[in-house]
Amino acid sequence: MTNSDQSGGGRFAWPDFGGAVKIPAAMRKPGAAQAAQKEYERGFDAGRAAGLAAAAEEIRVLKDRLVAGVRALEQTRLKLDAEQQSRLSELAHAVCSKVLDIELTTQRHVFDAFVRAGIERLDASAATVRVHVNPADRPLFEPPLDGVVVEADHTVPEGGCSIRTDERRVDYDPYGALDQIFAEMQRA
């Protein structure tokens, strides 16, 4: 039975342990509870500071890894963009070359336009204007243009022409011009 049962007052009373609980000597001194509380708070603060420092270091390491990952991702994106841009440029060049092939082999007026532009550029008033073309292109000039002598010339690239008078010469290579345009685009 406890003390409260004996007194009949219904109030709580501490049980009697018969001296089995020993209070440490440090706690029996005056102000010991306040000292223990201060030690607890110092330990808590030190633990908290150590935990925050450890967490800050983990966050720093994770942040560095994240930054490195983002940089690697950006470099990969730039590399892929450059590869895609190069592939797109190659595709555009192939399409332009094919269109040029079709135009040059099926449309005589395209060759006529090259020759007329060359003659105007020469500002030739010469009696004889000779147009040198690749032998593969020679059939496109049948019948020849008025006042123009068409000659087959292996040194002229296919699809091109060289317009000549006795004094001057103008060469035109549409495939070379196309290659030059795409080379300049890739350098930009």
Protein backbone atom coordinates (compact mmCIF):
# COMPACT_ATOMS: atom_id res chain seq x y z
CA MET A 1 0.00 0.00 0.00
CA THR A 2 1.04 3.51 -0.66
CA ASN A 3 1.00 6.46 1.64
CA SER A 4 -2.15 7.83 0.01
CA ASP A 5 -4.06 4.68 0.73
CA GLN A 6 -3.16 4.88 4.41
CA SER A 7 -4.07 8.47 4.82
CA GLY A 8 -7.36 8.04 2.98
CA GLY A 9 -7.09 11.51 1.50
CA GLY A 10 -6.83 10.27 -2.08
CA ARG A 11 -3.77 12.36 -2.71
CA PHE A 12 -0.70 11.03 -4.45
CA ALA A 13 2.25 10.20 -2.31
CA TRP A 14 5.65 9.00 -3.35
CA PRO A 15 6.20 5.32 -2.87
CA ASP A 16 8.81 4.30 -0.41
CA PHE A 17 11.63 2.48 -2.14
CA GLY A 18 13.45 1.86 1.02
CA GLY A 19 16.49 3.83 0.06
CA ALA A 20 17.02 1.78 -3.12
CA VAL A 21 17.28 4.90 -5.30
CA LYS A 22 20.52 6.74 -4.84
CA ILE A 23 20.75 10.33 -6.05
CA PRO A 24 24.23 11.14 -7.41
CA ALA A 25 26.34 13.31 -5.17
CA ALA A 26 26.54 16.02 -7.84
CA MET A 27 22.75 16.32 -7.76
CA ARG A 28 22.61 16.65 -3.99
CA LYS A 29 24.74 19.84 -4.03
CA PRO A 30 23.03 23.24 -4.06
CA GLY A 31 22.55 24.51 -7.69
CA ALA A 32 23.28 21.07 -9.10
CA ALA A 33 20.05 20.98 -11.11
CA GLN A 34 20.88 24.30 -12.78
CA ALA A 35 24.42 23.12 -13.56
CA ALA A 36 23.08 19.90 -15.04
CA GLN A 37 20.62 21.89 -17.16
CA LYS A 38 23.45 24.12 -18.42
CA GLU A 39 25.56 21.05 -19.28
CA TYR A 40 22.60 19.57 -21.10
CA GLU A 41 22.09 22.78 -23.07
CA ARG A 42 25.81 23.03 -23.92
CA GLY A 43 25.79 19.40 -25.10
CA PHE A 44 22.61 20.00 -27.06
CA ASP A 45 24.05 23.15 -28.68
CA ALA A 46 27.33 21.37 -29.51
CA GLY A 47 25.45 18.42 -31.01
CA ARG A 48 23.18 20.72 -32.94
CA ALA A 49 26.16 22.71 -34.29
CA ALA A 50 27.95 19.49 -35.28
CA GLY A 51 24.80 18.21 -36.99
CA LEU A 52 24.30 21.48 -38.88
CA ALA A 53 27.97 21.47 -39.95
CA ALA A 54 27.68 17.88 -41.17
CA ALA A 55 24.45 18.69 -43.01
CA ALA A 56 26.04 21.79 -44.57
CA GLU A 57 28.96 19.67 -45.81
CA GLU A 58 26.57 17.09 -47.28
CA ILE A 59 24.61 19.88 -48.97
CA ARG A 60 27.84 21.38 -50.35
CA VAL A 61 28.90 18.00 -51.77
CA LEU A 62 25.45 17.43 -53.29
CA LYS A 63 25.41 20.97 -54.73
CA ASP A 64 28.85 20.44 -56.32
CA ARG A 65 27.66 17.15 -57.83
CA LEU A 66 24.50 18.83 -59.11
CA VAL A 67 26.49 21.69 -60.68
CA ALA A 68 28.85 19.17 -62.33
CA GLY A 69 25.86 17.20 -63.60
CA VAL A 70 24.20 20.30 -65.05
CA ARG A 71 27.47 21.31 -66.75
CA ALA A 72 27.85 17.82 -68.22
CA LEU A 73 24.24 17.94 -69.41
CA GLU A 74 24.78 21.35 -71.02
CA GLN A 75 27.94 20.12 -72.77
CA THR A 76 26.04 17.08 -74.03
CA ARG A 77 23.23 19.31 -75.27
CA LEU A 78 25.67 21.59 -77.06
CA LYS A 79 27.40 18.60 -78.63
CA LEU A 80 24.08 17.16 -79.77
CA ASP A 81 22.99 20.56 -81.08
CA ALA A 82 26.23 20.84 -83.06
CA GLU A 83 25.83 17.30 -84.42
CA GLN A 84 22.22 17.96 -85.37
CA GLN A 85 23.15 21.27 -86.97
CA SER A 86 25.89 19.54 -88.97
CA ARG A 87 23.50 16.79 -90.09
CA LEU A 88 20.89 19.36 -91.05
CA SER A 89 23.48 21.30 -93.05
CA GLU A 90 24.58 18.11 -94.82
CA LEU A 91 20.96 17.28 -95.64
CA ALA A 92 20.32 20.80 -96.96
CA HIS A 93 23.48 20.59 -99.09
CA ALA A 94 22.38 17.24 -100.54
CA VAL A 95 18.91 18.61 -101.34
CA CYS A 96 20.35 21.74 -102.98
CA SER A 97 22.78 19.63 -105.01
CA LYS A 98 19.95 17.41 -106.20
CA VAL A 99 17.81 20.42 -107.17
CA LEU A 100 20.81 21.90 -108.98
CA ASP A 101 21.34 18.58 -110.81
CA ILE A 102 17.73 18.51 -111.95
CA GLU A 103 17.70 22.16 -112.99
CA LEU A 104 20.98 21.96 -114.88
CA THR A 105 20.15 18.74 -116.70
CA THR A 106 16.53 19.45 -117.62
CA GLN A 107 16.26 23.19 -118.02
CA ARG A 108 18.23 24.69 -120.86
CA HIS A 109 17.16 28.19 -119.86
CA VAL A 110 19.23 27.83 -116.67
CA PHE A 111 22.38 27.36 -118.75
CA ASP A 112 21.26 30.11 -121.07
CA ALA A 113 20.91 32.42 -118.06
CA PHE A 114 24.46 31.55 -116.89
CA VAL A 115 25.86 32.28 -120.33
CA ARG A 116 23.94 35.54 -120.76
CA ALA A 117 25.00 36.71 -117.28
CA GLY A 118 28.62 35.86 -118.15
CA ILE A 119 28.45 37.74 -121.43
CA GLU A 120 26.98 40.79 -119.68
CA ARG A 121 29.67 40.57 -117.05
CA LEU A 122 32.34 40.49 -119.69
CA ASP A 123 30.71 43.50 -121.32
CA ALA A 124 31.94 41.89 -124.46
CA SER A 125 31.50 43.53 -127.76
CA ALA A 126 33.78 40.94 -129.34
CA ALA A 127 32.70 39.30 -132.53
CA THR A 128 33.25 35.85 -131.13
CA VAL A 129 32.10 34.61 -127.73
CA ARG A 130 33.05 31.04 -126.87
CA VAL A 131 31.33 29.08 -124.14
CA HIS A 132 33.34 26.17 -122.78
CA VAL A 133 31.26 23.47 -121.10
CA ASN A 134 31.95 20.01 -119.75
CA PRO A 135 31.49 17.37 -122.47
CA ALA A 136 28.61 15.86 -120.46
CA ASP A 137 26.77 19.19 -120.72
CA ARG A 138 27.42 19.77 -124.42
CA PRO A 139 24.10 18.22 -125.57
CA LEU A 140 22.21 20.91 -123.62
CA PHE A 141 23.44 23.49 -126.14
CA GLU A 142 21.84 21.98 -129.22
CA PRO A 143 20.97 24.15 -131.03
CA PRO A 144 23.60 26.67 -129.86
CA LEU A 145 22.74 30.16 -128.68
CA ASP A 146 22.74 32.95 -131.26
CA GLY A 147 26.25 34.28 -131.88
CA VAL A 148 27.84 31.88 -129.36
CA VAL A 149 30.27 29.09 -130.13
CA VAL A 150 29.91 26.19 -127.66
CA GLU A 151 33.00 24.04 -127.11
CA ALA A 152 33.43 20.89 -125.03
CA ASP A 153 36.19 21.32 -122.45
CA HIS A 154 37.22 18.65 -119.90
CA THR A 155 38.66 21.31 -117.56
CA VAL A 156 35.24 22.85 -116.94
CA PRO A 157 33.36 21.18 -114.09
CA GLU A 158 30.09 19.48 -114.89
CA GLY A 159 27.23 21.98 -114.64
CA GLY A 160 29.62 24.90 -115.04
CA CYS A 161 30.73 27.03 -117.91
CA SER A 162 33.57 29.29 -118.94
CA ILE A 163 32.62 32.23 -121.14
CA ARG A 164 35.55 33.59 -123.12
CA THR A 165 36.39 36.31 -125.58
CA ASP A 166 39.80 37.06 -126.99
CA GLU A 167 40.41 39.57 -124.15
CA ARG A 168 38.55 38.27 -121.10
CA ARG A 169 37.14 35.23 -119.38
CA VAL A 170 34.39 34.51 -116.81
CA ASP A 171 34.11 31.10 -115.15
CA TYR A 172 31.06 29.80 -113.35
CA ASP A 173 30.87 26.60 -111.30
CA PRO A 174 27.46 26.29 -109.61
CA TYR A 175 28.51 23.25 -107.55
CA GLY A 176 31.65 25.03 -106.38
CA ALA A 177 29.55 28.06 -105.44
CA LEU A 178 27.12 25.82 -103.55
CA ASP A 179 30.00 24.12 -101.70
CA GLN A 180 31.46 27.51 -100.82
CA ILE A 181 28.13 28.78 -99.46
CA PHE A 182 27.71 25.73 -97.22
CA ALA A 183 31.34 25.88 -96.06
CA GLU A 184 30.81 29.51 -95.00
CA MET A 185 27.61 28.54 -93.18
CA GLN A 186 29.44 25.84 -91.19
CA ARG A 187 32.21 28.27 -90.20
CA ALA A 188 29.66 30.79 -88.90
